[in-house]
């Protein structure tokens, strides 16, 4: 069954994963997003469960460019600056 035929939890959209850390050589800490990689949740799973999670959700690992965009978005929120780094008229 292809991804397009699979109804995963009734939510449509590409699933994204970004591995952020490996803990104690046992667990994978990662960010998971549906549709928009900048809106994500942080999760931790044992390696085998992470592999199954990725397979079940047909995830796409973020590219370097997507990771940079996520980091940029986080900086904007952290410092409460709309359009961080852009020329803004005040």
PDB file of N, CA and C in Angstrom:
ATOM      1  N   UNK A   1       0.857  -1.179   0.000  1.00  0.00           N
ATOM      2  CA  UNK A   1       0.000   0.000   0.000  1.00  0.00           C
ATOM      3  C   UNK A   1       0.899   1.235   0.000  1.00  0.00           C
ATOM      4  N   UNK A   2       0.682   2.137  -0.928  1.00  0.00           N
ATOM      5  CA  UNK A   2       1.502   3.340  -1.013  1.00  0.00           C
ATOM      6  C   UNK A   2       1.028   4.382  -0.003  1.00  0.00           C
ATOM      7  N   UNK A   3       1.887   5.373   0.232  1.00  0.00           N
ATOM      8  CA  UNK A   3       1.568   6.440   1.176  1.00  0.00           C
ATOM      9  C   UNK A   3       0.270   7.138   0.800  1.00  0.00           C
ATOM     10  N   UNK A   4       0.061   7.386  -0.496  1.00  0.00           N
ATOM     11  CA  UNK A   4      -1.135   8.102  -0.929  1.00  0.00           C
ATOM     12  C   UNK A   4      -2.408   7.319  -0.622  1.00  0.00           C
ATOM     13  N   UNK A   5      -2.304   5.997  -0.519  1.00  0.00           N
ATOM     14  CA  UNK A   5      -3.473   5.179  -0.206  1.00  0.00           C
ATOM     15  C   UNK A   5      -3.670   5.004   1.297  1.00  0.00           C
ATOM     16  N   UNK A   6      -2.638   5.278   2.059  1.00  0.00           N
ATOM     17  CA  UNK A   6      -2.661   5.048   3.489  1.00  0.00           C
ATOM     18  C   UNK A   6      -3.224   6.270   4.209  1.00  0.00           C
ATOM     19  N   UNK A   7      -4.183   6.074   5.071  1.00  0.00           N
ATOM     20  CA  UNK A   7      -4.740   7.161   5.862  1.00  0.00           C
ATOM     21  C   UNK A   7      -4.151   7.043   7.264  1.00  0.00           C
ATOM     22  N   UNK A   8      -3.100   7.800   7.523  1.00  0.00           N
ATOM     23  CA  UNK A   8      -2.407   7.728   8.798  1.00  0.00           C
ATOM     24  C   UNK A   8      -3.064   8.690   9.781  1.00  0.00           C
ATOM     25  N   UNK A   9      -3.768   8.144  10.747  1.00  0.00           N
ATOM     26  CA  UNK A   9      -4.421   8.922  11.805  1.00  0.00           C
ATOM     27  C   UNK A   9      -5.356  10.001  11.255  1.00  0.00           C
ATOM     28  N   UNK A  10      -5.801   9.869  10.016  1.00  0.00           N
ATOM     29  CA  UNK A  10      -6.738  10.825   9.446  1.00  0.00           C
ATOM     30  C   UNK A  10      -6.155  12.194   9.155  1.00  0.00           C
ATOM     31  N   UNK A  11      -4.843  12.334   9.231  1.00  0.00           N
ATOM     32  CA  UNK A  11      -4.201  13.628   8.999  1.00  0.00           C
ATOM     33  C   UNK A  11      -3.376  13.547   7.726  1.00  0.00           C
ATOM     34  N   UNK A  12      -3.699  14.399   6.763  1.00  0.00           N
ATOM     35  CA  UNK A  12      -2.975  14.418   5.499  1.00  0.00           C
ATOM     36  C   UNK A  12      -1.765  15.328   5.604  1.00  0.00           C
ATOM     37  N   UNK A  13      -0.748  14.998   4.844  1.00  0.00           N
ATOM     38  CA  UNK A  13       0.446  15.840   4.786  1.00  0.00           C
ATOM     39  C   UNK A  13       1.708  15.019   4.916  1.00  0.00           C
ATOM     40  N   UNK A  14       2.758  15.514   4.286  1.00  0.00           N
ATOM     41  CA  UNK A  14       4.064  14.873   4.378  1.00  0.00           C
ATOM     42  C   UNK A  14       4.555  14.914   5.814  1.00  0.00           C
ATOM     43  N   UNK A  15       5.131  13.826   6.277  1.00  0.00           N
ATOM     44  CA  UNK A  15       5.708  13.756   7.612  1.00  0.00           C
ATOM     45  C   UNK A  15       7.213  13.979   7.525  1.00  0.00           C
ATOM     46  N   UNK A  16       7.750  14.767   8.470  1.00  0.00           N
ATOM     47  CA  UNK A  16       9.167  15.097   8.497  1.00  0.00           C
ATOM     48  C   UNK A  16       9.783  14.695   9.831  1.00  0.00           C
ATOM     49  N   UNK A  17      11.049  14.284   9.769  1.00  0.00           N
ATOM     50  CA  UNK A  17      11.808  13.933  10.968  1.00  0.00           C
ATOM     51  C   UNK A  17      13.155  14.630  10.906  1.00  0.00           C
ATOM     52  N   UNK A  18      13.575  15.115  12.064  1.00  0.00           N
ATOM     53  CA  UNK A  18      14.912  15.702  12.216  1.00  0.00           C
ATOM     54  C   UNK A  18      15.509  15.132  13.496  1.00  0.00           C
ATOM     55  N   UNK A  19      16.527  14.316  13.358  1.00  0.00           N
ATOM     56  CA  UNK A  19      17.201  13.750  14.527  1.00  0.00           C
ATOM     57  C   UNK A  19      18.033  14.853  15.158  1.00  0.00           C
ATOM     58  N   UNK A  20      17.849  15.051  16.474  1.00  0.00           N
ATOM     59  CA  UNK A  20      18.571  16.111  17.172  1.00  0.00           C
ATOM     60  C   UNK A  20      19.630  15.589  18.129  1.00  0.00           C
ATOM     61  N   UNK A  21      19.475  14.331  18.581  1.00  0.00           N
ATOM     62  CA  UNK A  21      20.437  13.806  19.542  1.00  0.00           C
ATOM     63  C   UNK A  21      20.252  12.301  19.695  1.00  0.00           C
ATOM     64  N   UNK A  22      21.335  11.631  20.060  1.00  0.00           N
ATOM     65  CA  UNK A  22      21.286  10.229  20.461  1.00  0.00           C
ATOM     66  C   UNK A  22      21.631  10.197  21.942  1.00  0.00           C
ATOM     67  N   UNK A  23      20.763   9.589  22.738  1.00  0.00           N
ATOM     68  CA  UNK A  23      20.936   9.572  24.184  1.00  0.00           C
ATOM     69  C   UNK A  23      21.406   8.215  24.671  1.00  0.00           C
ATOM     70  N   UNK A  24      22.518   8.200  25.362  1.00  0.00           N
ATOM     71  CA  UNK A  24      23.046   6.980  25.996  1.00  0.00           C
ATOM     72  C   UNK A  24      23.181   5.816  25.024  1.00  0.00           C
ATOM     73  N   UNK A  25      23.436   6.097  23.754  1.00  0.00           N
ATOM     74  CA  UNK A  25      23.567   5.058  22.721  1.00  0.00           C
ATOM     75  C   UNK A  25      22.367   4.116  22.700  1.00  0.00           C
ATOM     76  N   UNK A  26      21.224   4.630  23.111  1.00  0.00           N
ATOM     77  CA  UNK A  26      20.038   3.782  23.255  1.00  0.00           C
ATOM     78  C   UNK A  26      18.765   4.420  22.685  1.00  0.00           C
ATOM     79  N   UNK A  27      18.683   5.738  22.792  1.00  0.00           N
ATOM     80  CA  UNK A  27      17.466   6.445  22.393  1.00  0.00           C
ATOM     81  C   UNK A  27      17.768   7.491  21.318  1.00  0.00           C
ATOM     82  N   UNK A  28      16.747   7.777  20.513  1.00  0.00           N
ATOM     83  CA  UNK A  28      16.841   8.820  19.493  1.00  0.00           C
ATOM     84  C   UNK A  28      15.912   9.958  19.905  1.00  0.00           C
ATOM     85  N   UNK A  29      16.472  11.143  20.027  1.00  0.00           N
ATOM     86  CA  UNK A  29      15.675  12.344  20.272  1.00  0.00           C
ATOM     87  C   UNK A  29      15.480  13.006  18.917  1.00  0.00           C
ATOM     88  N   UNK A  30      14.230  13.353  18.598  1.00  0.00           N
ATOM     89  CA  UNK A  30      13.969  13.899  17.266  1.00  0.00           C
ATOM     90  C   UNK A  30      12.764  14.827  17.267  1.00  0.00           C
ATOM     91  N   UNK A  31      12.673  15.611  16.201  1.00  0.00           N
ATOM     92  CA  UNK A  31      11.526  16.480  15.977  1.00  0.00           C
ATOM     93  C   UNK A  31      10.684  15.836  14.878  1.00  0.00           C
ATOM     94  N   UNK A  32       9.375  15.869  15.080  1.00  0.00           N
ATOM     95  CA  UNK A  32       8.436  15.281  14.126  1.00  0.00           C
ATOM     96  C   UNK A  32       7.443  16.344  13.713  1.00  0.00           C
ATOM     97  N   UNK A  33       7.219  16.458  12.405  1.00  0.00           N
ATOM     98  CA  UNK A  33       6.292  17.463  11.883  1.00  0.00           C
ATOM     99  C   UNK A  33       5.431  16.858  10.786  1.00  0.00           C
ATOM    100  N   UNK A  34       4.252  17.432  10.625  1.00  0.00           N
ATOM    101  CA  UNK A  34       3.353  17.053   9.535  1.00  0.00           C
ATOM    102  C   UNK A  34       3.045  18.309   8.741  1.00  0.00           C
ATOM    103  N   UNK A  35       3.389  18.288   7.461  1.00  0.00           N
ATOM    104  CA  UNK A  35       3.079  19.416   6.579  1.00  0.00           C
ATOM    105  C   UNK A  35       4.114  20.523   6.596  1.00  0.00           C
ATOM    106  N   UNK A  36       4.378  21.108   7.751  1.00  0.00           N
ATOM    107  CA  UNK A  36       5.301  22.243   7.874  1.00  0.00           C
ATOM    108  C   UNK A  36       6.400  21.875   8.873  1.00  0.00           C
ATOM    109  N   UNK A  37       7.636  21.718   8.415  1.00  0.00           N
ATOM    110  CA  UNK A  37       8.716  21.309   9.313  1.00  0.00           C
ATOM    111  C   UNK A  37       8.996  22.280  10.462  1.00  0.00           C
ATOM    112  N   UNK A  38       8.557  23.544  10.342  1.00  0.00           N
ATOM    113  CA  UNK A  38       8.810  24.505  11.413  1.00  0.00           C
ATOM    114  C   UNK A  38       7.838  24.355  12.584  1.00  0.00           C
ATOM    115  N   UNK A  39       6.774  23.592  12.381  1.00  0.00           N
ATOM    116  CA  UNK A  39       5.818  23.322  13.459  1.00  0.00           C
ATOM    117  C   UNK A  39       5.969  21.851  13.809  1.00  0.00           C
ATOM    118  N   UNK A  40       6.655  21.585  14.919  1.00  0.00           N
ATOM    119  CA  UNK A  40       7.002  20.210  15.236  1.00  0.00           C
ATOM    120  C   UNK A  40       6.864  19.911  16.720  1.00  0.00           C
ATOM    121  N   UNK A  41       6.943  18.639  17.033  1.00  0.00           N
ATOM    122  CA  UNK A  41       6.982  18.182  18.423  1.00  0.00           C
ATOM    123  C   UNK A  41       8.292  17.438  18.624  1.00  0.00           C
ATOM    124  N   UNK A  42       8.798  17.492  19.845  1.00  0.00           N
ATOM    125  CA  UNK A  42      10.018  16.762  20.174  1.00  0.00           C
ATOM    126  C   UNK A  42       9.633  15.431  20.800  1.00  0.00           C
ATOM    127  N   UNK A  43      10.260  14.360  20.325  1.00  0.00           N
ATOM    128  CA  UNK A  43       9.963  13.021  20.812  1.00  0.00           C
ATOM    129  C   UNK A  43      11.253  12.271  21.089  1.00  0.00           C
ATOM    130  N   UNK A  44      11.161  11.236  21.921  1.00  0.00           N
ATOM    131  CA  UNK A  44      12.291  10.357  22.210  1.00  0.00           C
ATOM    132  C   UNK A  44      11.784   8.924  22.143  1.00  0.00           C
ATOM    133  N   UNK A  45      12.495   8.086  21.380  1.00  0.00           N
ATOM    134  CA  UNK A  45      12.129   6.673  21.244  1.00  0.00           C
ATOM    135  C   UNK A  45      13.397   5.817  21.227  1.00  0.00           C
ATOM    136  N   UNK A  46      13.277   4.559  21.652  1.00  0.00           N
ATOM    137  CA  UNK A  46      14.399   3.632  21.458  1.00  0.00           C
ATOM    138  C   UNK A  46      14.640   3.464  19.956  1.00  0.00           C
ATOM    139  N   UNK A  47      15.877   3.113  19.580  1.00  0.00           N
ATOM    140  CA  UNK A  47      16.241   3.003  18.168  1.00  0.00           C
ATOM    141  C   UNK A  47      15.242   2.193  17.345  1.00  0.00           C
ATOM    142  N   UNK A  48      14.915   0.995  17.785  1.00  0.00           N
ATOM    143  CA  UNK A  48      14.026   0.122  17.013  1.00  0.00           C
ATOM    144  C   UNK A  48      12.631   0.742  16.847  1.00  0.00           C
ATOM    145  N   UNK A  49      12.128   1.382  17.879  1.00  0.00           N
ATOM    146  CA  UNK A  49      10.808   2.026  17.794  1.00  0.00           C
ATOM    147  C   UNK A  49      10.857   3.239  16.869  1.00  0.00           C
ATOM    148  N   UNK A  50      11.988   3.957  16.902  1.00  0.00           N
ATOM    149  CA  UNK A  50      12.159   5.098  15.993  1.00  0.00           C
ATOM    150  C   UNK A  50      12.132   4.636  14.540  1.00  0.00           C
ATOM    151  N   UNK A  51      12.846   3.545  14.249  1.00  0.00           N
ATOM    152  CA  UNK A  51      12.862   3.006  12.897  1.00  0.00           C
ATOM    153  C   UNK A  51      11.451   2.647  12.447  1.00  0.00           C
ATOM    154  N   UNK A  52      10.695   1.980  13.308  1.00  0.00           N
ATOM    155  CA  UNK A  52       9.310   1.575  12.986  1.00  0.00           C
ATOM    156  C   UNK A  52       8.423   2.814  12.831  1.00  0.00           C
ATOM    157  N   UNK A  53       8.594   3.788  13.709  1.00  0.00           N
ATOM    158  CA  UNK A  53       7.833   5.036  13.635  1.00  0.00           C
ATOM    159  C   UNK A  53       8.039   5.706  12.274  1.00  0.00           C
ATOM    160  N   UNK A  54       9.307   5.788  11.853  1.00  0.00           N
ATOM    161  CA  UNK A  54       9.621   6.405  10.562  1.00  0.00           C
ATOM    162  C   UNK A  54       9.011   5.621   9.407  1.00  0.00           C
ATOM    163  N   UNK A  55       9.080   4.316   9.489  1.00  0.00           N
ATOM    164  CA  UNK A  55       8.511   3.459   8.444  1.00  0.00           C
ATOM    165  C   UNK A  55       6.995   3.597   8.396  1.00  0.00           C
ATOM    166  N   UNK A  56       6.340   3.531   9.549  1.00  0.00           N
ATOM    167  CA  UNK A  56       4.873   3.624   9.608  1.00  0.00           C
ATOM    168  C   UNK A  56       4.356   4.966   9.118  1.00  0.00           C
ATOM    169  N   UNK A  57       5.131   6.022   9.330  1.00  0.00           N
ATOM    170  CA  UNK A  57       4.703   7.366   8.935  1.00  0.00           C
ATOM    171  C   UNK A  57       5.277   7.825   7.606  1.00  0.00           C
ATOM    172  N   UNK A  58       6.059   6.946   6.958  1.00  0.00           N
ATOM    173  CA  UNK A  58       6.649   7.279   5.663  1.00  0.00           C
ATOM    174  C   UNK A  58       7.323   8.655   5.712  1.00  0.00           C
ATOM    175  N   UNK A  59       8.188   8.843   6.709  1.00  0.00           N
ATOM    176  CA  UNK A  59       8.780  10.158   6.946  1.00  0.00           C
ATOM    177  C   UNK A  59       9.837  10.520   5.917  1.00  0.00           C
ATOM    178  N   UNK A  60      10.047  11.796   5.801  1.00  0.00           N
ATOM    179  CA  UNK A  60      11.136  12.352   4.993  1.00  0.00           C
ATOM    180  C   UNK A  60      12.066  13.044   5.974  1.00  0.00           C
ATOM    181  N   UNK A  61      13.356  12.706   5.941  1.00  0.00           N
ATOM    182  CA  UNK A  61      14.325  13.388   6.794  1.00  0.00           C
ATOM    183  C   UNK A  61      14.600  14.756   6.199  1.00  0.00           C
ATOM    184  N   UNK A  62      14.703  15.760   7.069  1.00  0.00           N
ATOM    185  CA  UNK A  62      14.913  17.122   6.596  1.00  0.00           C
ATOM    186  C   UNK A  62      16.256  17.268   5.884  1.00  0.00           C
ATOM    187  N   UNK A  63      16.253  18.077   4.845  1.00  0.00           N
ATOM    188  CA  UNK A  63      17.498  18.422   4.149  1.00  0.00           C
ATOM    189  C   UNK A  63      18.227  19.487   4.978  1.00  0.00           C
ATOM    190  N   UNK A  64      19.470  19.764   4.646  1.00  0.00           N
ATOM    191  CA  UNK A  64      20.231  20.807   5.339  1.00  0.00           C
ATOM    192  C   UNK A  64      19.534  22.162   5.213  1.00  0.00           C
ATOM    193  N   UNK A  65      18.961  22.433   4.055  1.00  0.00           N
ATOM    194  CA  UNK A  65      18.254  23.699   3.846  1.00  0.00           C
ATOM    195  C   UNK A  65      17.006  23.790   4.723  1.00  0.00           C
ATOM    196  N   UNK A  66      16.269  22.687   4.830  1.00  0.00           N
ATOM    197  CA  UNK A  66      15.078  22.678   5.682  1.00  0.00           C
ATOM    198  C   UNK A  66      15.463  22.824   7.154  1.00  0.00           C
ATOM    199  N   UNK A  67      16.547  22.176   7.567  1.00  0.00           N
ATOM    200  CA  UNK A  67      17.016  22.308   8.949  1.00  0.00           C
ATOM    201  C   UNK A  67      17.384  23.755   9.252  1.00  0.00           C
ATOM    202  N   UNK A  68      18.054  24.431   8.308  1.00  0.00           N
ATOM    203  CA  UNK A  68      18.421  25.840   8.495  1.00  0.00           C
ATOM    204  C   UNK A  68      17.172  26.708   8.622  1.00  0.00           C
ATOM    205  N   UNK A  69      16.140  26.431   7.838  1.00  0.00           N
ATOM    206  CA  UNK A  69      14.892  27.196   7.909  1.00  0.00           C
ATOM    207  C   UNK A  69      14.210  26.995   9.261  1.00  0.00           C
ATOM    208  N   UNK A  70      14.232  25.770   9.778  1.00  0.00           N
ATOM    209  CA  UNK A  70      13.650  25.480  11.092  1.00  0.00           C
ATOM    210  C   UNK A  70      14.421  26.234  12.171  1.00  0.00           C
ATOM    211  N   UNK A  71      15.744  26.199  12.116  1.00  0.00           N
ATOM    212  CA  UNK A  71      16.568  26.909  13.098  1.00  0.00           C
ATOM    213  C   UNK A  71      16.319  28.418  13.045  1.00  0.00           C
ATOM    214  N   UNK A  72      16.205  28.957  11.852  1.00  0.00           N
ATOM    215  CA  UNK A  72      15.934  30.393  11.671  1.00  0.00           C
ATOM    216  C   UNK A  72      14.591  30.759  12.291  1.00  0.00           C
ATOM    217  N   UNK A  73      13.582  29.931  12.058  1.00  0.00           N
ATOM    218  CA  UNK A  73      12.257  30.180  12.621  1.00  0.00           C
ATOM    219  C   UNK A  73      12.299  30.148  14.146  1.00  0.00           C
ATOM    220  N   UNK A  74      13.051  29.210  14.706  1.00  0.00           N
ATOM    221  CA  UNK A  74      13.168  29.125  16.174  1.00  0.00           C
ATOM    222  C   UNK A  74      13.824  30.376  16.741  1.00  0.00           C
ATOM    223  N   UNK A  75      14.831  30.903  16.053  1.00  0.00           N
ATOM    224  CA  UNK A  75      15.490  32.125  16.509  1.00  0.00           C
ATOM    225  C   UNK A  75      14.519  33.305  16.536  1.00  0.00           C
ATOM    226  N   UNK A  76      13.679  33.395  15.506  1.00  0.00           N
ATOM    227  CA  UNK A  76      12.700  34.482  15.466  1.00  0.00           C
ATOM    228  C   UNK A  76      11.770  34.405  16.680  1.00  0.00           C
ATOM    229  N   UNK A  77      11.315  33.208  17.015  1.00  0.00           N
ATOM    230  CA  UNK A  77      10.407  33.043  18.156  1.00  0.00           C
ATOM    231  C   UNK A  77      11.124  33.276  19.478  1.00  0.00           C
ATOM    232  N   UNK A  78      12.357  32.782  19.585  1.00  0.00           N
ATOM    233  CA  UNK A  78      13.101  32.909  20.840  1.00  0.00           C
ATOM    234  C   UNK A  78      13.353  34.370  21.196  1.00  0.00           C
ATOM    235  N   UNK A  79      13.673  35.193  20.197  1.00  0.00           N
ATOM    236  CA  UNK A  79      14.015  36.579  20.467  1.00  0.00           C
ATOM    237  C   UNK A  79      12.863  37.538  20.185  1.00  0.00           C
ATOM    238  N   UNK A  80      11.685  36.996  19.886  1.00  0.00           N
ATOM    239  CA  UNK A  80      10.472  37.796  19.677  1.00  0.00           C
ATOM    240  C   UNK A  80      10.668  38.925  18.685  1.00  0.00           C
ATOM    241  N   UNK A  81      11.366  38.618  17.614  1.00  0.00           N
ATOM    242  CA  UNK A  81      11.617  39.619  16.591  1.00  0.00           C
ATOM    243  C   UNK A  81      10.986  39.155  15.289  1.00  0.00           C
ATOM    244  N   UNK A  82       9.976  39.874  14.862  1.00  0.00           N
ATOM    245  CA  UNK A  82       9.335  39.557  13.597  1.00  0.00           C
ATOM    246  C   UNK A  82      10.280  39.920  12.472  1.00  0.00           C
ATOM    247  N   UNK A  83      10.491  38.990  11.550  1.00  0.00           N
ATOM    248  CA  UNK A  83      11.356  39.266  10.421  1.00  0.00           C
ATOM    249  C   UNK A  83      12.808  39.409  10.817  1.00  0.00           C
ATOM    250  N   UNK A  84      13.244  38.614  11.766  1.00  0.00           N
ATOM    251  CA  UNK A  84      14.618  38.656  12.278  1.00  0.00           C
ATOM    252  C   UNK A  84      15.620  38.697  11.132  1.00  0.00           C
ATOM    253  N   UNK A  85      16.491  39.721  11.149  1.00  0.00           N
ATOM    254  CA  UNK A  85      17.528  39.835  10.133  1.00  0.00           C
ATOM    255  C   UNK A  85      17.071  40.493   8.844  1.00  0.00           C
ATOM    256  N   UNK A  86      15.826  40.816   8.749  1.00  0.00           N
ATOM    257  CA  UNK A  86      15.310  41.453   7.538  1.00  0.00           C
ATOM    258  C   UNK A  86      15.247  42.956   7.767  1.00  0.00           C
ATOM    259  N   UNK A  87      15.247  43.707   6.696  1.00  0.00           N
ATOM    260  CA  UNK A  87      15.125  45.165   6.815  1.00  0.00           C
ATOM    261  C   UNK A  87      13.679  45.512   7.115  1.00  0.00           C
ATOM    262  N   UNK A  88      13.450  45.973   8.347  1.00  0.00           N
ATOM    263  CA  UNK A  88      12.096  46.338   8.766  1.00  0.00           C
ATOM    264  C   UNK A  88      12.044  47.829   9.034  1.00  0.00           C
ATOM    265  N   UNK A  89      11.004  48.470   8.567  1.00  0.00           N
ATOM    266  CA  UNK A  89      10.787  49.895   8.869  1.00  0.00           C
ATOM    267  C   UNK A  89      10.062  49.991  10.198  1.00  0.00           C
ATOM    268  N   UNK A  90      10.633  50.739  11.139  1.00  0.00           N
ATOM    269  CA  UNK A  90      10.005  50.898  12.465  1.00  0.00           C
ATOM    270  C   UNK A  90       9.362  52.227  12.600  1.00  0.00           C
TER     271      UNK A  90
END
